[in-house]
Amino acid sequence: MPRIQPFYALRPVPELAAKVASVPYDVVNRDEAAALAEGNPLSFLHVVRPDIEFPPEHNPYAQEVYDTAAANFQKLIAEGVLFRDSAPCLFAYRQIMGTHSQVGIVCCVHIDDYENNLILKHEKTRKSKEDDRTRHVLALNANAGPVFLTYREDAAVNAMVDQAVLQAPLYDFTAVDGIRHTVWRIEDCADYVRSLSAVPVFYIADGHHRAASAWRAGRELRGRLQDGGNGTEECNWFLSVLFPSTQLRILAYNRVIRDLHGLTVPQLLQKLDAIGQLEQTTDPVPPAPGSFCFFIDHRWWKLTIPPDPLFVKDPIRSLDVSILEHQVLHPILGIEDVRTDSRIDFVGGIRGTAELERLCISGDWALAISMYPTTLDQLMAVSDAGEIMPPKSTWFEPKLRSGLLVHTLE
């Protein structure tokens, strides 16, 4: 069973928390990050996206970029913006987005449990992104952003969290995107550690590259210790937030296609109609699994594809993203590999279907596909089977803020 432990958090003074806390490094590009951090020297984006300190054409993987991240991090500490707690603690972290609320436990988990698949994955990682974040962790000697983990809920943990959030919070603010973030410190955490350490497995919901780089950096730092240390040193642990799966929400991860692969609109519609029930619709959101909404020539169409009895119990082939790939993207639109083909791109569901319409009407994309969201049960079934989901299968919201709670590796 995976282990958790409290940690000596490095965190912002309460009155500056809203200025410091930032979106994760990987949900914005360089220009978006620069715009968010403009006029706010305390933003943690200066740490997690240090490339914003350089001209857009500068190599984001140059050594001076990582040196700048470390310098900005140390400056926040030296100026008293960040301070270290005097005792190791866990934290309850609640996010409210509209009517949706979720509360997780901020803790550290062990790199060996990641390596030994007690922390299960469902995505492949790209070496270039792993390399970047590993260098970043080593430059800071810290985990700047947490990994988003989930688990099958435990009633005892739920009851303890319900009590924890009745106390006065450390932080409570609403970010510019309208999401409210509240954090409580849990000083007496032995019961939490005991209960969560009895959970059979944790699942990575979001943050596969953060987890992989934390593991790689931890192994490198462990190798520098005499005889490899004893496994309890801080470099063996990485920052995470554990949410019960029943509280989480996966949004759709939609698709846009550059062209119709030589087909006319009537020809494409005919091919879609041949594989399922196709009908024009005014609702751009698929109503159920197995249904897809296509924006073609300024109109929405709903395609319902009947389940294939050969694959209804297959954790991968039963996914809507797999059905779309095997029945539409590859055979009709000629997209061989969704990971590498420049003719396809992916749009997080948080941007809504209006963004899909905008992209197509602009003329940059010929076709948009609105998806039904993958479920948590499907995610965990894939992970339990030791399988890997197709690319861009899940989009979690709200995102965890970086810089609220930092774990240092010594």
Protein backbone atom coordinates (compact mmCIF):
# COMPACT_ATOMS: atom_id res chain seq x y z
CA MET A 1 0.00 0.00 0.00
CA PRO A 2 1.30 3.52 -0.77
CA ARG A 3 2.68 5.65 2.01
CA ILE A 4 2.01 9.27 2.87
CA GLN A 5 3.67 11.62 5.32
CA PRO A 6 3.36 15.22 6.53
CA PHE A 7 6.01 17.75 5.55
CA TYR A 8 7.57 21.06 6.61
CA ALA A 9 5.71 23.28 4.17
CA LEU A 10 7.27 26.32 2.60
CA ARG A 11 4.33 28.63 2.03
CA PRO A 12 3.35 32.28 1.53
CA VAL A 13 2.47 34.63 4.36
CA PRO A 14 -1.35 34.73 4.45
CA GLU A 15 -1.80 38.28 3.20
CA LEU A 16 0.21 37.52 0.04
CA ALA A 17 -1.14 34.04 -0.78
CA ALA A 18 -3.48 35.22 -3.53
CA LYS A 19 -0.65 37.14 -5.23
CA VAL A 20 1.79 34.22 -5.00
CA ALA A 21 -0.42 31.28 -5.98
CA SER A 22 -0.42 30.61 -9.72
CA VAL A 23 -1.89 28.25 -12.26
CA PRO A 24 0.23 25.14 -12.96
CA TYR A 25 3.10 25.54 -15.41
CA ASP A 26 1.55 23.29 -18.05
CA VAL A 27 -1.92 24.80 -18.53
CA VAL A 28 -0.64 28.02 -20.12
CA ASN A 29 1.83 28.74 -22.88
CA ARG A 30 4.70 31.19 -22.53
CA ASP A 31 2.71 34.25 -23.66
CA GLU A 32 -0.31 33.40 -21.51
CA ALA A 33 1.92 32.91 -18.47
CA ALA A 34 3.68 36.23 -19.10
CA ALA A 35 0.33 38.02 -19.33
CA LEU A 36 -0.91 36.46 -16.08
CA ALA A 37 2.29 37.41 -14.22
CA GLU A 38 2.56 40.92 -15.66
CA GLY A 39 2.74 43.53 -12.91
CA ASN A 40 2.95 40.88 -10.17
CA PRO A 41 6.55 40.10 -9.23
CA LEU A 42 5.29 37.76 -6.49
CA SER A 43 3.48 35.42 -8.88
CA PHE A 44 4.80 31.88 -8.65
CA LEU A 45 4.76 31.82 -12.44
CA HIS A 46 8.17 33.52 -12.19
CA VAL A 47 9.31 30.26 -10.56
CA VAL A 48 7.38 27.58 -12.47
CA ARG A 49 7.55 29.34 -15.86
CA PRO A 50 10.90 31.16 -15.72
CA ASP A 51 10.92 31.40 -19.52
CA ILE A 52 8.65 34.45 -19.14
CA GLU A 53 11.73 36.35 -17.91
CA PHE A 54 13.28 36.02 -21.37
CA PRO A 55 12.28 37.09 -24.89
CA PRO A 56 9.81 34.74 -26.63
CA GLU A 57 12.48 33.50 -29.01
CA HIS A 58 14.85 32.49 -26.18
CA ASN A 59 15.49 28.76 -25.71
CA PRO A 60 13.20 27.76 -22.80
CA TYR A 61 15.52 24.86 -21.94
CA ALA A 62 18.72 26.90 -21.66
CA GLN A 63 20.53 26.55 -18.34
CA GLU A 64 20.01 30.22 -17.50
CA VAL A 65 16.25 29.65 -17.53
CA TYR A 66 16.51 27.08 -14.74
CA ASP A 67 18.99 29.30 -12.88
CA THR A 68 16.43 32.10 -13.06
CA ALA A 69 13.75 29.83 -11.59
CA ALA A 70 16.04 29.06 -8.64
CA ALA A 71 16.96 32.73 -8.18
CA ASN A 72 13.31 33.84 -8.22
CA PHE A 73 12.42 31.09 -5.75
CA GLN A 74 15.20 32.09 -3.36
CA LYS A 75 14.21 35.75 -3.66
CA LEU A 76 10.68 34.96 -2.44
CA ILE A 77 12.22 33.20 0.56
CA ALA A 78 14.80 35.92 1.28
CA GLU A 79 12.17 38.66 1.14
CA GLY A 80 9.91 36.82 3.58
CA VAL A 81 7.15 36.18 1.04
CA LEU A 82 7.58 32.45 1.65
CA PHE A 83 8.31 31.01 5.10
CA ARG A 84 8.74 27.51 6.47
CA ASP A 85 6.36 25.93 8.98
CA SER A 86 7.96 24.96 12.27
CA ALA A 87 6.42 21.48 12.33
CA PRO A 88 5.49 18.87 9.70
CA CYS A 89 1.79 18.97 8.85
CA LEU A 90 -0.81 17.80 6.40
CA PHE A 91 -3.26 20.25 4.87
CA ALA A 92 -6.85 20.17 3.66
CA TYR A 93 -7.26 21.98 0.35
CA ARG A 94 -10.71 22.87 -0.95
CA GLN A 95 -11.53 24.23 -4.40
CA ILE A 96 -14.90 25.62 -5.40
CA MET A 97 -15.69 26.19 -9.06
CA GLY A 98 -19.27 27.28 -9.63
CA THR A 99 -21.41 24.69 -7.88
CA HIS A 100 -18.63 22.10 -7.80
CA SER A 101 -16.56 21.60 -4.63
CA GLN A 102 -13.72 19.17 -3.90
CA VAL A 103 -11.49 18.76 -0.84
CA GLY A 104 -8.16 16.94 -0.87
CA ILE A 105 -5.33 16.21 1.54
CA VAL A 106 -1.96 17.79 0.74
CA CYS A 107 0.81 15.40 1.69
CA CYS A 108 3.98 13.76 0.42
CA VAL A 109 4.09 10.33 -1.22
CA HIS A 110 7.11 8.09 -1.76
CA ILE A 111 9.03 7.75 -5.03
CA ASP A 112 9.39 3.99 -4.51
CA ASP A 113 5.61 3.63 -4.43
CA TYR A 114 5.47 5.43 -7.76
CA GLU A 115 8.14 3.12 -9.16
CA ASN A 116 6.44 0.00 -7.79
CA ASN A 117 3.00 0.91 -9.22
CA LEU A 118 1.30 1.57 -5.94
CA ILE A 119 0.69 4.96 -7.53
CA LEU A 120 -0.94 4.00 -10.83
CA LYS A 121 -0.57 5.85 -14.13
CA HIS A 122 -2.85 6.04 -17.16
CA GLU A 123 -0.79 8.24 -19.52
CA LYS A 124 2.51 8.00 -21.32
CA THR A 125 4.94 10.81 -20.67
CA ARG A 126 7.18 12.57 -23.15
CA LYS A 127 10.89 12.47 -22.39
CA SER A 128 11.41 16.12 -23.36
CA LYS A 129 8.79 17.27 -20.84
CA GLU A 130 10.16 14.91 -18.20
CA ASP A 131 13.67 16.26 -18.78
CA ASP A 132 12.47 19.84 -18.44
CA ARG A 133 10.63 19.32 -15.14
CA THR A 134 13.38 17.10 -13.72
CA ARG A 135 15.88 19.88 -14.33
CA HIS A 136 13.42 22.31 -12.77
CA VAL A 137 13.00 20.21 -9.60
CA LEU A 138 16.75 19.83 -9.25
CA ALA A 139 17.33 23.56 -9.82
CA LEU A 140 14.88 24.48 -7.05
CA ASN A 141 15.63 21.45 -4.87
CA ALA A 142 11.88 21.46 -4.33
CA ASN A 143 8.51 20.28 -5.70
CA ALA A 144 6.97 23.57 -6.78
CA GLY A 145 3.59 22.11 -7.76
CA PRO A 146 1.67 19.12 -6.42
CA VAL A 147 0.67 15.99 -8.32
CA PHE A 148 -3.11 15.52 -8.49
CA LEU A 149 -3.91 12.06 -7.08
CA THR A 150 -7.17 10.29 -6.42
CA TYR A 151 -8.29 7.19 -4.52
CA ARG A 152 -11.45 5.23 -3.86
CA GLU A 153 -12.99 7.15 -1.02
CA ASP A 154 -12.65 6.11 2.61
CA ALA A 155 -15.43 7.02 5.08
CA ALA A 156 -12.99 7.53 7.97
CA VAL A 157 -10.93 10.02 5.97
CA ASN A 158 -14.08 11.83 4.84
CA ALA A 159 -15.20 12.23 8.44
CA MET A 160 -11.83 13.63 9.51
CA VAL A 161 -11.76 16.09 6.62
CA ASP A 162 -15.30 17.24 7.46
CA GLN A 163 -14.01 18.20 10.91
CA ALA A 164 -10.81 19.81 9.64
CA VAL A 165 -12.65 22.28 7.41
CA LEU A 166 -14.67 23.58 10.37
CA GLN A 167 -11.52 25.28 11.70
CA ALA A 168 -10.21 28.71 10.74
CA PRO A 169 -8.38 28.44 7.39
CA LEU A 170 -4.82 29.47 6.63
CA TYR A 171 -5.85 30.81 3.23
CA ASP A 172 -9.17 31.63 1.64
CA PHE A 173 -9.24 33.58 -1.61
CA THR A 174 -10.88 33.63 -5.01
CA ALA A 175 -8.47 33.69 -7.95
CA VAL A 176 -8.95 35.84 -11.04
CA ASP A 177 -10.57 32.91 -12.84
CA GLY A 178 -13.33 32.78 -10.22
CA ILE A 179 -12.14 29.60 -8.49
CA ARG A 180 -12.08 29.76 -4.70
CA HIS A 181 -9.13 28.17 -2.88
CA THR A 182 -9.18 27.44 0.86
CA VAL A 183 -6.43 25.72 2.87
CA TRP A 184 -6.47 24.39 6.45
CA ARG A 185 -3.49 23.10 8.40
CA ILE A 186 -3.81 19.64 10.01
CA GLU A 187 -1.31 19.41 12.84
CA ASP A 188 -2.57 16.22 14.50
CA CYS A 189 -2.31 14.00 11.44
CA ALA A 190 -1.51 10.49 12.72
CA ASP A 191 -5.03 9.22 12.01
CA TYR A 192 -4.94 10.63 8.48
CA VAL A 193 -1.60 8.97 7.80
CA ARG A 194 -2.86 5.66 9.17
CA SER A 195 -6.11 5.70 7.15
CA LEU A 196 -4.67 6.93 3.86
CA SER A 197 -1.73 4.55 4.11
CA ALA A 198 -4.26 1.70 4.26
CA VAL A 199 -5.72 2.65 0.87
CA PRO A 200 -4.63 -0.07 -1.62
CA VAL A 201 -3.52 2.23 -4.45
CA PHE A 202 -3.49 5.85 -5.49
CA TYR A 203 -4.20 6.96 -9.05
CA ILE A 204 -2.62 9.87 -10.90
CA ALA A 205 -5.50 11.98 -12.08
CA ASP A 206 -3.44 14.87 -13.44
CA GLY A 207 0.28 15.61 -13.41
CA HIS A 208 1.97 12.57 -14.95
CA HIS A 209 5.00 14.62 -15.98
CA ARG A 210 5.28 16.22 -12.52
CA ALA A 211 5.17 12.75 -10.95
CA ALA A 212 7.73 11.26 -13.34
CA SER A 213 10.12 14.17 -12.89
CA ALA A 214 9.74 14.10 -9.11
CA TRP A 215 10.62 10.40 -9.20
CA ARG A 216 13.63 10.98 -11.47
CA ALA A 217 14.91 13.91 -9.42
CA GLY A 218 14.41 11.99 -6.18
CA ARG A 219 16.39 9.02 -7.50
CA GLU A 220 19.21 11.31 -8.63
CA LEU A 221 19.39 13.06 -5.25
CA ARG A 222 19.20 9.73 -3.45
CA GLY A 223 22.18 8.55 -5.50
CA ARG A 224 24.24 11.44 -4.15
CA LEU A 225 23.71 10.28 -0.56
CA GLN A 226 26.20 8.04 1.17
CA ASP A 227 25.16 4.45 0.45
CA GLY A 228 21.97 5.83 -1.10
CA GLY A 229 20.52 6.90 2.25
CA ASN A 230 17.86 4.94 4.09
CA GLY A 231 14.78 5.89 2.08
CA THR A 232 13.37 8.34 4.61
CA GLU A 233 15.15 11.48 3.41
CA GLU A 234 13.02 14.28 1.95
CA CYS A 235 14.31 13.61 -1.57
CA ASN A 236 12.41 10.29 -1.45
CA TRP A 237 9.07 12.04 -1.16
CA PHE A 238 7.12 14.29 -3.52
CA LEU A 239 4.26 16.72 -3.10
CA SER A 240 0.72 15.54 -3.88
CA VAL A 241 -2.92 16.25 -3.18
CA LEU A 242 -5.17 13.24 -2.57
CA PHE A 243 -8.84 13.61 -3.52
CA PRO A 244 -11.56 10.98 -3.12
CA SER A 245 -12.68 9.94 -6.60
CA THR A 246 -16.34 10.65 -5.88
CA GLN A 247 -15.61 14.37 -5.58
CA LEU A 248 -13.75 14.80 -8.85
CA ARG A 249 -15.07 15.95 -12.18
CA ILE A 250 -13.59 15.17 -15.59
CA LEU A 251 -14.47 17.55 -18.38
CA ALA A 252 -14.49 16.69 -22.06
CA TYR A 253 -11.27 16.87 -24.05
CA ASN A 254 -12.44 18.00 -27.47
CA ARG A 255 -10.79 17.73 -30.89
CA VAL A 256 -10.27 20.00 -33.89
CA ILE A 257 -9.18 18.75 -37.32
CA ARG A 258 -7.30 20.84 -39.87
CA ASP A 259 -8.97 19.50 -43.06
CA LEU A 260 -11.46 16.90 -44.29
CA HIS A 261 -8.80 14.64 -45.84
CA GLY A 262 -9.88 15.47 -49.37
CA LEU A 263 -13.57 14.87 -48.73
CA THR A 264 -16.40 17.26 -49.46
CA VAL A 265 -18.81 18.01 -46.63
CA PRO A 266 -21.56 15.77 -48.14
CA GLN A 267 -19.03 12.94 -48.59
CA LEU A 268 -17.91 13.23 -44.96
CA LEU A 269 -21.49 13.27 -43.69
CA GLN A 270 -22.25 10.18 -45.77
CA LYS A 271 -19.31 8.30 -44.27
CA LEU A 272 -20.29 9.30 -40.73
CA ASP A 273 -23.88 8.23 -41.35
CA ALA A 274 -22.63 4.82 -42.45
CA ILE A 275 -21.09 4.03 -39.05
CA GLY A 276 -23.91 5.22 -36.80
CA GLN A 277 -26.98 7.40 -36.47
CA LEU A 278 -26.26 10.91 -37.76
CA GLU A 279 -28.67 13.79 -37.24
CA GLN A 280 -28.46 17.57 -37.23
CA THR A 281 -28.66 19.12 -33.76
CA THR A 282 -28.73 22.47 -32.01
CA ASP A 283 -27.07 21.02 -28.89
CA PRO A 284 -23.27 20.83 -29.27
CA VAL A 285 -22.82 18.67 -26.14
CA PRO A 286 -23.06 14.88 -26.54
CA PRO A 287 -25.83 13.51 -24.28
CA ALA A 288 -24.29 10.12 -23.48
CA PRO A 289 -21.27 7.86 -24.02
CA GLY A 290 -20.97 6.70 -27.61
CA SER A 291 -22.27 9.99 -28.98
CA PHE A 292 -20.19 12.73 -30.62
CA CYS A 293 -21.07 16.18 -31.87
CA PHE A 294 -19.39 17.40 -35.06
CA PHE A 295 -19.18 21.06 -36.08
CA ILE A 296 -19.03 21.01 -39.88
CA ASP A 297 -19.65 23.93 -42.25
CA HIS A 298 -21.12 26.09 -39.43
CA ARG A 299 -23.60 23.41 -38.32
CA TRP A 300 -23.66 20.83 -35.52
CA TRP A 301 -24.34 17.16 -36.15
CA LYS A 302 -24.76 14.40 -33.55
CA LEU A 303 -23.36 10.96 -34.35
CA THR A 304 -24.31 8.01 -32.16
CA ILE A 305 -22.11 4.95 -32.68
CA PRO A 306 -23.52 1.67 -31.33
CA PRO A 307 -21.20 -0.22 -28.97
CA ASP A 308 -19.09 -2.98 -30.48
CA PRO A 309 -19.86 -6.22 -28.55
CA LEU A 310 -16.22 -7.28 -29.04
CA PHE A 311 -14.96 -4.36 -26.97
CA VAL A 312 -17.64 -3.43 -24.44
CA LYS A 313 -15.53 -4.91 -21.61
CA ASP A 314 -12.19 -3.71 -22.95
CA PRO A 315 -11.04 -0.80 -20.71
CA ILE A 316 -9.31 0.94 -23.65
CA ARG A 317 -11.35 0.12 -26.74
CA SER A 318 -14.62 0.94 -24.95
CA LEU A 319 -13.53 4.54 -24.35
CA ASP A 320 -15.14 7.19 -26.53
CA VAL A 321 -11.71 8.54 -27.47
CA SER A 322 -10.79 5.06 -28.76
CA ILE A 323 -14.08 4.64 -30.62
CA LEU A 324 -13.54 7.99 -32.31
CA GLU A 325 -9.96 7.12 -33.24
CA HIS A 326 -10.74 3.67 -34.64
CA GLN A 327 -13.94 4.52 -36.47
CA VAL A 328 -13.50 8.14 -37.56
CA LEU A 329 -10.08 9.71 -37.17
CA HIS A 330 -8.04 6.93 -38.75
CA PRO A 331 -10.29 5.34 -41.40
CA ILE A 332 -12.20 8.46 -42.52
CA LEU A 333 -9.93 11.43 -41.78
CA GLY A 334 -6.59 9.70 -42.33
CA ILE A 335 -5.04 10.59 -38.99
CA GLU A 336 -2.49 7.83 -38.34
CA ASP A 337 -1.14 8.90 -34.94
CA VAL A 338 -2.98 11.45 -32.81
CA ARG A 339 0.19 12.04 -30.79
CA THR A 340 2.20 13.34 -33.73
CA ASP A 341 -0.17 14.34 -36.54
CA SER A 342 -0.25 18.15 -36.91
CA ARG A 343 -3.70 17.91 -38.51
CA ILE A 344 -5.32 17.35 -35.11
CA ASP A 345 -5.30 19.42 -31.94
CA PHE A 346 -7.03 19.18 -28.58
CA VAL A 347 -9.15 21.71 -26.71
CA GLY A 348 -9.87 21.37 -22.99
CA GLY A 349 -13.54 21.26 -22.13
CA ILE A 350 -13.18 24.24 -19.81
CA ARG A 351 -13.06 26.40 -22.98
CA GLY A 352 -16.53 25.24 -24.01
CA THR A 353 -18.03 24.43 -27.38
CA ALA A 354 -18.09 28.11 -28.34
CA GLU A 355 -14.31 27.88 -28.64
CA LEU A 356 -14.70 24.98 -31.06
CA GLU A 357 -17.03 27.07 -33.20
CA ARG A 358 -14.64 30.03 -33.08
CA LEU A 359 -11.68 27.94 -34.23
CA CYS A 360 -13.60 26.56 -37.19
CA ILE A 361 -15.28 29.81 -38.21
CA SER A 362 -11.86 31.51 -38.17
CA GLY A 363 -10.88 29.18 -41.01
CA ASP A 364 -7.91 27.65 -39.19
CA TRP A 365 -9.73 24.35 -38.62
CA ALA A 366 -12.24 22.55 -40.81
CA LEU A 367 -13.93 20.32 -38.26
CA ALA A 368 -14.48 20.23 -34.50
CA ILE A 369 -15.60 17.27 -32.41
CA SER A 370 -17.29 17.72 -29.04
CA MET A 371 -16.74 14.69 -26.78
CA TYR A 372 -18.58 13.06 -23.88
CA PRO A 373 -16.23 13.10 -20.85
CA THR A 374 -14.29 10.05 -19.73
CA THR A 375 -15.43 8.91 -16.27
CA LEU A 376 -13.39 8.34 -13.12
CA ASP A 377 -14.47 4.70 -13.15
CA GLN A 378 -13.05 4.33 -16.66
CA LEU A 379 -9.80 6.02 -15.63
CA MET A 380 -9.35 3.71 -12.66
CA ALA A 381 -10.26 0.62 -14.71
CA VAL A 382 -7.55 1.48 -17.24
CA SER A 383 -5.02 2.06 -14.47
CA ASP A 384 -6.00 -1.14 -12.66
CA ALA A 385 -5.45 -3.08 -15.87
CA GLY A 386 -1.97 -1.60 -16.26
CA GLU A 387 -3.03 0.02 -19.52
CA ILE A 388 -2.41 3.47 -20.98
CA MET A 389 -5.22 5.72 -22.12
CA PRO A 390 -5.17 7.27 -25.58
CA PRO A 391 -3.72 10.81 -25.61
CA LYS A 392 -5.84 13.66 -24.28
CA SER A 393 -8.53 11.47 -22.74
CA THR A 394 -9.16 13.51 -19.59
CA TRP A 395 -9.32 17.17 -18.60
CA PHE A 396 -9.63 17.88 -14.89
CA GLU A 397 -10.97 21.13 -13.47
CA PRO A 398 -10.36 22.98 -11.28
CA LYS A 399 -6.56 22.95 -11.45
CA LEU A 400 -4.35 22.92 -8.36
CA ARG A 401 -2.54 26.17 -7.63
CA SER A 402 1.25 26.20 -7.50
CA GLY A 403 3.12 28.07 -4.78
CA LEU A 404 0.55 27.70 -1.99
CA LEU A 405 2.41 24.78 -0.43
CA VAL A 406 5.94 23.83 -1.47
CA HIS A 407 7.93 20.74 -0.48
CA THR A 408 11.70 21.12 -0.32
CA LEU A 409 13.94 18.09 -0.85
CA GLU A 410 16.31 18.50 2.08
